[in-house]
């Protein structure tokens, strides 16, 4: 995982986020289904869009105390190349673990076979 990084959004980005957080009228369809998204859902979508635009994982956003509303920290999202490299590395590590497990299992079985043949 990448280290946490500080970001600064533009005034326009802040305005968009604050607008998304505004209360929405509570109107429901029959059956209790809301007619519009909740402020939380709108805010989540706005943060996701900002994360896509600025290159961070919107689920990792934290405010930075004392710096103002436009400043926050988050974990940068992976680039496609970084993701590909990580997946390849994880696949190789999994392959090596499986080789080690099978080698250990073979050694144990050979030991059991030798014991049976000696009896």
N, C-alpha and C. Protein backbone atom coordinates (compact mmCIF):
# COMPACT_ATOMS: atom_id res chain seq x y z
N UNK A 1 0.84 -1.17 0.00
CA UNK A 1 0.00 0.00 0.00
C UNK A 1 0.89 1.24 0.00
N UNK A 2 0.47 2.24 -0.68
CA UNK A 2 1.24 3.48 -0.76
C UNK A 2 1.13 4.26 0.54
N UNK A 3 2.12 5.11 0.84
CA UNK A 3 2.02 5.94 2.05
C UNK A 3 0.96 7.03 1.87
N UNK A 4 0.41 7.46 2.99
CA UNK A 4 -0.59 8.53 2.98
C UNK A 4 0.04 9.81 2.44
N UNK A 5 -0.71 10.53 1.61
CA UNK A 5 -0.23 11.74 0.95
C UNK A 5 -1.19 12.88 1.23
N UNK A 6 -0.65 14.09 1.32
CA UNK A 6 -1.49 15.27 1.51
C UNK A 6 -1.96 15.79 0.16
N UNK A 7 -3.21 16.24 0.12
CA UNK A 7 -3.81 16.79 -1.09
C UNK A 7 -4.46 18.13 -0.76
N UNK A 8 -4.61 18.95 -1.79
CA UNK A 8 -5.36 20.20 -1.67
C UNK A 8 -6.32 20.27 -2.85
N UNK A 9 -7.60 20.34 -2.52
CA UNK A 9 -8.60 20.46 -3.59
C UNK A 9 -8.80 21.93 -3.94
N UNK A 10 -9.35 22.16 -5.10
CA UNK A 10 -9.64 23.53 -5.53
C UNK A 10 -10.89 24.03 -4.84
N UNK A 11 -11.11 25.34 -4.92
CA UNK A 11 -12.34 25.92 -4.36
C UNK A 11 -13.57 25.32 -5.04
N UNK A 12 -13.47 25.09 -6.34
CA UNK A 12 -14.58 24.49 -7.09
C UNK A 12 -14.86 23.07 -6.60
N UNK A 13 -13.80 22.29 -6.34
CA UNK A 13 -13.98 20.93 -5.81
C UNK A 13 -14.65 20.97 -4.44
N UNK A 14 -14.21 21.90 -3.59
CA UNK A 14 -14.81 22.04 -2.26
C UNK A 14 -16.28 22.41 -2.38
N UNK A 15 -16.59 23.33 -3.27
CA UNK A 15 -17.98 23.75 -3.48
C UNK A 15 -18.83 22.55 -3.92
N UNK A 16 -18.29 21.72 -4.82
CA UNK A 16 -19.01 20.54 -5.30
C UNK A 16 -19.28 19.57 -4.15
N UNK A 17 -18.26 19.33 -3.31
CA UNK A 17 -18.43 18.43 -2.17
C UNK A 17 -19.46 18.96 -1.17
N UNK A 18 -19.37 20.24 -0.86
CA UNK A 18 -20.32 20.82 0.09
C UNK A 18 -21.74 20.78 -0.46
N UNK A 19 -21.87 21.02 -1.75
CA UNK A 19 -23.19 20.95 -2.40
C UNK A 19 -23.75 19.53 -2.32
N UNK A 20 -22.88 18.54 -2.50
CA UNK A 20 -23.32 17.14 -2.45
C UNK A 20 -23.80 16.75 -1.06
N UNK A 21 -23.27 17.40 -0.03
CA UNK A 21 -23.62 17.06 1.36
C UNK A 21 -24.89 17.74 1.85
N UNK A 22 -25.43 18.64 1.06
CA UNK A 22 -26.63 19.36 1.49
C UNK A 22 -27.80 18.40 1.66
N UNK A 23 -28.66 18.70 2.63
CA UNK A 23 -29.83 17.84 2.84
C UNK A 23 -30.71 17.80 1.59
N UNK A 24 -31.33 16.66 1.38
CA UNK A 24 -32.25 16.49 0.25
C UNK A 24 -33.66 16.31 0.80
N UNK A 25 -34.67 16.69 0.04
CA UNK A 25 -36.04 16.50 0.53
C UNK A 25 -36.34 15.02 0.74
N UNK A 26 -37.03 14.72 1.81
CA UNK A 26 -37.37 13.34 2.12
C UNK A 26 -38.69 12.98 1.44
N UNK A 27 -38.60 12.55 0.20
CA UNK A 27 -39.79 12.15 -0.55
C UNK A 27 -39.62 10.68 -0.91
N UNK A 28 -40.69 9.92 -0.70
CA UNK A 28 -40.62 8.47 -0.90
C UNK A 28 -41.65 8.01 -1.90
N UNK A 29 -41.26 6.97 -2.64
CA UNK A 29 -42.19 6.30 -3.54
C UNK A 29 -43.00 5.32 -2.71
N UNK A 30 -44.03 4.76 -3.31
CA UNK A 30 -44.80 3.76 -2.58
C UNK A 30 -43.88 2.59 -2.25
N UNK A 31 -44.05 2.02 -1.09
CA UNK A 31 -43.17 0.95 -0.64
C UNK A 31 -41.98 1.46 0.15
N UNK A 32 -41.88 2.75 0.37
CA UNK A 32 -40.83 3.31 1.19
C UNK A 32 -39.51 3.56 0.48
N UNK A 33 -39.48 3.44 -0.82
CA UNK A 33 -38.25 3.68 -1.59
C UNK A 33 -38.04 5.18 -1.74
N UNK A 34 -36.85 5.70 -1.31
CA UNK A 34 -36.62 7.14 -1.45
C UNK A 34 -36.54 7.55 -2.92
N UNK A 35 -37.03 8.74 -3.21
CA UNK A 35 -37.03 9.25 -4.59
C UNK A 35 -35.65 9.76 -5.00
N UNK A 36 -34.83 10.16 -4.02
CA UNK A 36 -33.51 10.69 -4.35
C UNK A 36 -32.47 10.09 -3.41
N UNK A 37 -31.22 10.28 -3.77
CA UNK A 37 -30.12 9.77 -2.95
C UNK A 37 -30.00 10.57 -1.67
N UNK A 38 -29.45 9.93 -0.65
CA UNK A 38 -29.23 10.62 0.62
C UNK A 38 -28.01 11.52 0.50
N UNK A 39 -27.87 12.48 1.41
CA UNK A 39 -26.67 13.32 1.39
C UNK A 39 -25.39 12.50 1.50
N UNK A 40 -25.43 11.40 2.28
CA UNK A 40 -24.24 10.55 2.42
C UNK A 40 -23.89 9.89 1.08
N UNK A 41 -24.89 9.38 0.38
CA UNK A 41 -24.64 8.77 -0.93
C UNK A 41 -24.10 9.80 -1.92
N UNK A 42 -24.66 11.00 -1.89
CA UNK A 42 -24.17 12.07 -2.77
C UNK A 42 -22.73 12.44 -2.44
N UNK A 43 -22.43 12.54 -1.15
CA UNK A 43 -21.06 12.88 -0.72
C UNK A 43 -20.09 11.78 -1.13
N UNK A 44 -20.49 10.52 -0.97
CA UNK A 44 -19.61 9.42 -1.37
C UNK A 44 -19.31 9.47 -2.86
N UNK A 45 -20.33 9.76 -3.66
CA UNK A 45 -20.12 9.87 -5.12
C UNK A 45 -19.19 11.05 -5.45
N UNK A 46 -19.36 12.16 -4.73
CA UNK A 46 -18.52 13.33 -4.98
C UNK A 46 -17.07 13.03 -4.61
N UNK A 47 -16.85 12.36 -3.47
CA UNK A 47 -15.48 11.99 -3.08
C UNK A 47 -14.88 10.99 -4.07
N UNK A 48 -15.69 10.04 -4.55
CA UNK A 48 -15.19 9.07 -5.53
C UNK A 48 -14.76 9.78 -6.81
N UNK A 49 -15.56 10.74 -7.26
CA UNK A 49 -15.21 11.49 -8.47
C UNK A 49 -13.93 12.30 -8.25
N UNK A 50 -13.79 12.92 -7.08
CA UNK A 50 -12.59 13.69 -6.77
C UNK A 50 -11.37 12.76 -6.69
N UNK A 51 -11.56 11.59 -6.11
CA UNK A 51 -10.48 10.61 -6.02
C UNK A 51 -10.01 10.16 -7.39
N UNK A 52 -10.97 9.95 -8.28
CA UNK A 52 -10.63 9.58 -9.67
C UNK A 52 -9.87 10.70 -10.35
N UNK A 53 -10.32 11.91 -10.13
CA UNK A 53 -9.69 13.09 -10.75
C UNK A 53 -8.28 13.33 -10.23
N UNK A 54 -8.11 13.19 -8.90
CA UNK A 54 -6.83 13.53 -8.28
C UNK A 54 -5.92 12.32 -8.02
N UNK A 55 -6.44 11.10 -8.22
CA UNK A 55 -5.61 9.91 -8.08
C UNK A 55 -5.42 9.39 -6.67
N UNK A 56 -6.51 9.38 -5.88
CA UNK A 56 -6.43 8.80 -4.54
C UNK A 56 -7.63 7.90 -4.29
N UNK A 57 -7.49 7.03 -3.30
CA UNK A 57 -8.58 6.14 -2.90
C UNK A 57 -9.51 6.92 -1.98
N UNK A 58 -10.72 7.20 -2.43
CA UNK A 58 -11.62 8.08 -1.68
C UNK A 58 -12.04 7.47 -0.34
N UNK A 59 -11.89 6.17 -0.16
CA UNK A 59 -12.23 5.54 1.12
C UNK A 59 -11.19 5.82 2.20
N UNK A 60 -10.05 6.38 1.83
CA UNK A 60 -8.97 6.61 2.79
C UNK A 60 -8.82 8.08 3.18
N UNK A 61 -9.73 8.93 2.77
CA UNK A 61 -9.63 10.38 3.03
C UNK A 61 -9.75 10.68 4.52
N UNK A 62 -8.84 11.54 4.99
CA UNK A 62 -8.89 12.04 6.37
C UNK A 62 -8.60 13.54 6.34
N UNK A 63 -9.30 14.31 7.16
CA UNK A 63 -9.01 15.75 7.21
C UNK A 63 -7.64 15.99 7.84
N UNK A 64 -7.05 17.13 7.50
CA UNK A 64 -5.79 17.54 8.12
C UNK A 64 -6.10 18.69 9.07
N UNK A 65 -5.92 18.44 10.33
CA UNK A 65 -6.26 19.42 11.36
C UNK A 65 -5.45 20.70 11.21
N UNK A 66 -6.15 21.83 11.28
CA UNK A 66 -5.52 23.13 11.27
C UNK A 66 -5.15 23.68 9.90
N UNK A 67 -5.48 22.96 8.83
CA UNK A 67 -5.09 23.42 7.50
C UNK A 67 -6.25 23.95 6.67
N UNK A 68 -7.46 23.81 7.13
CA UNK A 68 -8.60 24.30 6.36
C UNK A 68 -9.33 23.18 5.64
N UNK A 69 -10.49 23.51 5.12
CA UNK A 69 -11.37 22.50 4.51
C UNK A 69 -10.83 21.90 3.22
N UNK A 70 -10.00 22.63 2.52
CA UNK A 70 -9.53 22.14 1.22
C UNK A 70 -8.40 21.13 1.33
N UNK A 71 -7.84 20.95 2.52
CA UNK A 71 -6.68 20.07 2.71
C UNK A 71 -7.11 18.76 3.35
N UNK A 72 -6.56 17.66 2.85
CA UNK A 72 -6.86 16.35 3.39
C UNK A 72 -5.72 15.41 3.02
N UNK A 73 -5.71 14.26 3.66
CA UNK A 73 -4.73 13.23 3.29
C UNK A 73 -5.49 12.00 2.83
N UNK A 74 -4.83 11.22 1.98
CA UNK A 74 -5.43 9.99 1.46
C UNK A 74 -4.30 9.11 0.92
N UNK A 75 -4.65 7.87 0.65
CA UNK A 75 -3.69 6.94 0.06
C UNK A 75 -3.85 7.00 -1.45
N UNK A 76 -2.76 7.25 -2.17
CA UNK A 76 -2.85 7.30 -3.64
C UNK A 76 -3.37 5.96 -4.19
N UNK A 77 -4.14 6.03 -5.24
CA UNK A 77 -4.61 4.80 -5.87
C UNK A 77 -3.53 4.25 -6.79
N UNK A 78 -3.61 2.98 -7.06
CA UNK A 78 -2.62 2.34 -7.90
C UNK A 78 -2.82 2.73 -9.36
N UNK A 79 -1.73 2.86 -10.05
CA UNK A 79 -1.80 3.02 -11.50
C UNK A 79 -2.03 1.62 -12.08
N UNK A 80 -2.43 1.54 -13.33
CA UNK A 80 -2.63 0.25 -13.97
C UNK A 80 -1.33 -0.56 -13.99
N UNK A 81 -0.22 0.13 -14.25
CA UNK A 81 1.08 -0.56 -14.28
C UNK A 81 1.44 -1.09 -12.90
N UNK A 82 1.22 -0.28 -11.86
CA UNK A 82 1.52 -0.72 -10.50
C UNK A 82 0.63 -1.89 -10.10
N UNK A 83 -0.63 -1.84 -10.50
CA UNK A 83 -1.56 -2.93 -10.18
C UNK A 83 -1.11 -4.22 -10.87
N UNK A 84 -0.72 -4.12 -12.14
CA UNK A 84 -0.26 -5.29 -12.89
C UNK A 84 0.97 -5.89 -12.22
N UNK A 85 1.92 -5.03 -11.84
CA UNK A 85 3.14 -5.50 -11.18
C UNK A 85 2.81 -6.19 -9.85
N UNK A 86 1.89 -5.60 -9.08
CA UNK A 86 1.51 -6.19 -7.80
C UNK A 86 0.86 -7.55 -8.00
N UNK A 87 -0.06 -7.66 -8.96
CA UNK A 87 -0.73 -8.93 -9.22
C UNK A 87 0.26 -10.00 -9.68
N UNK A 88 1.21 -9.61 -10.52
CA UNK A 88 2.23 -10.56 -10.97
C UNK A 88 3.09 -11.02 -9.80
N UNK A 89 3.49 -10.07 -8.94
CA UNK A 89 4.31 -10.40 -7.77
C UNK A 89 3.54 -11.33 -6.83
N UNK A 90 2.26 -11.02 -6.59
CA UNK A 90 1.45 -11.87 -5.71
C UNK A 90 1.26 -13.26 -6.30
N UNK A 91 1.09 -13.36 -7.62
CA UNK A 91 0.95 -14.67 -8.26
C UNK A 91 2.24 -15.48 -8.13
N UNK A 92 3.38 -14.83 -8.29
CA UNK A 92 4.66 -15.52 -8.15
C UNK A 92 4.88 -15.98 -6.71
N UNK A 93 4.51 -15.14 -5.74
CA UNK A 93 4.64 -15.53 -4.33
C UNK A 93 3.74 -16.72 -4.02
N UNK A 94 2.54 -16.72 -4.57
CA UNK A 94 1.62 -17.84 -4.37
C UNK A 94 2.18 -19.11 -4.99
N UNK A 95 2.77 -18.99 -6.18
CA UNK A 95 3.37 -20.14 -6.85
C UNK A 95 4.51 -20.71 -6.02
N UNK A 96 5.35 -19.82 -5.48
CA UNK A 96 6.49 -20.27 -4.67
C UNK A 96 6.01 -20.95 -3.38
N UNK A 97 4.95 -20.42 -2.77
CA UNK A 97 4.40 -21.07 -1.57
C UNK A 97 3.87 -22.45 -1.89
N UNK A 98 3.22 -22.59 -3.04
CA UNK A 98 2.68 -23.90 -3.44
C UNK A 98 3.81 -24.88 -3.72
N UNK A 99 4.88 -24.42 -4.36
CA UNK A 99 6.05 -25.28 -4.60
C UNK A 99 6.63 -25.76 -3.27
N UNK A 100 6.78 -24.83 -2.32
CA UNK A 100 7.33 -25.20 -1.01
C UNK A 100 6.41 -26.19 -0.29
N UNK A 101 5.10 -25.96 -0.37
CA UNK A 101 4.15 -26.87 0.28
C UNK A 101 4.23 -28.26 -0.32
N UNK A 102 4.25 -28.33 -1.65
CA UNK A 102 4.30 -29.63 -2.33
C UNK A 102 5.63 -30.34 -2.08
N UNK A 103 6.71 -29.59 -2.06
CA UNK A 103 8.02 -30.19 -1.78
C UNK A 103 8.04 -30.79 -0.38
N UNK A 104 7.48 -30.07 0.57
CA UNK A 104 7.39 -30.57 1.94
C UNK A 104 6.50 -31.81 2.01
N UNK A 105 5.40 -31.78 1.29
CA UNK A 105 4.48 -32.92 1.28
C UNK A 105 5.14 -34.13 0.64
N UNK A 106 5.87 -33.93 -0.43
CA UNK A 106 6.57 -35.04 -1.10
C UNK A 106 7.60 -35.65 -0.15
N UNK A 107 8.36 -34.79 0.52
CA UNK A 107 9.37 -35.29 1.46
C UNK A 107 8.71 -36.11 2.57
N UNK A 108 7.59 -35.66 3.09
CA UNK A 108 6.87 -36.38 4.13
C UNK A 108 6.36 -37.72 3.60
N UNK A 109 5.81 -37.73 2.40
CA UNK A 109 5.31 -38.98 1.80
C UNK A 109 6.44 -39.97 1.52
N UNK A 110 7.59 -39.46 1.06
CA UNK A 110 8.74 -40.33 0.82
C UNK A 110 9.22 -40.96 2.12
N UNK A 111 9.16 -40.17 3.20
CA UNK A 111 9.54 -40.67 4.52
C UNK A 111 8.58 -41.78 4.96
N UNK A 112 7.28 -41.55 4.74
CA UNK A 112 6.28 -42.56 5.08
C UNK A 112 6.46 -43.82 4.24
N UNK A 113 6.76 -43.65 2.95
CA UNK A 113 6.97 -44.79 2.05
C UNK A 113 8.19 -45.60 2.48
N UNK A 114 9.27 -44.90 2.81
CA UNK A 114 10.49 -45.60 3.27
C UNK A 114 10.22 -46.40 4.53
N UNK A 115 9.43 -45.85 5.45
CA UNK A 115 9.10 -46.54 6.68
C UNK A 115 8.27 -47.79 6.39
N UNK A 116 7.35 -47.70 5.45
CA UNK A 116 6.53 -48.86 5.08
C UNK A 116 7.37 -49.93 4.40
N UNK A 117 8.29 -49.53 3.54
CA UNK A 117 9.12 -50.50 2.83
C UNK A 117 10.10 -51.19 3.76
N UNK A 118 10.53 -50.50 4.79
CA UNK A 118 11.50 -51.06 5.74
C UNK A 118 10.83 -52.06 6.68
N UNK A 119 9.53 -51.99 6.84
CA UNK A 119 8.83 -52.85 7.78
C UNK A 119 8.64 -54.25 7.28
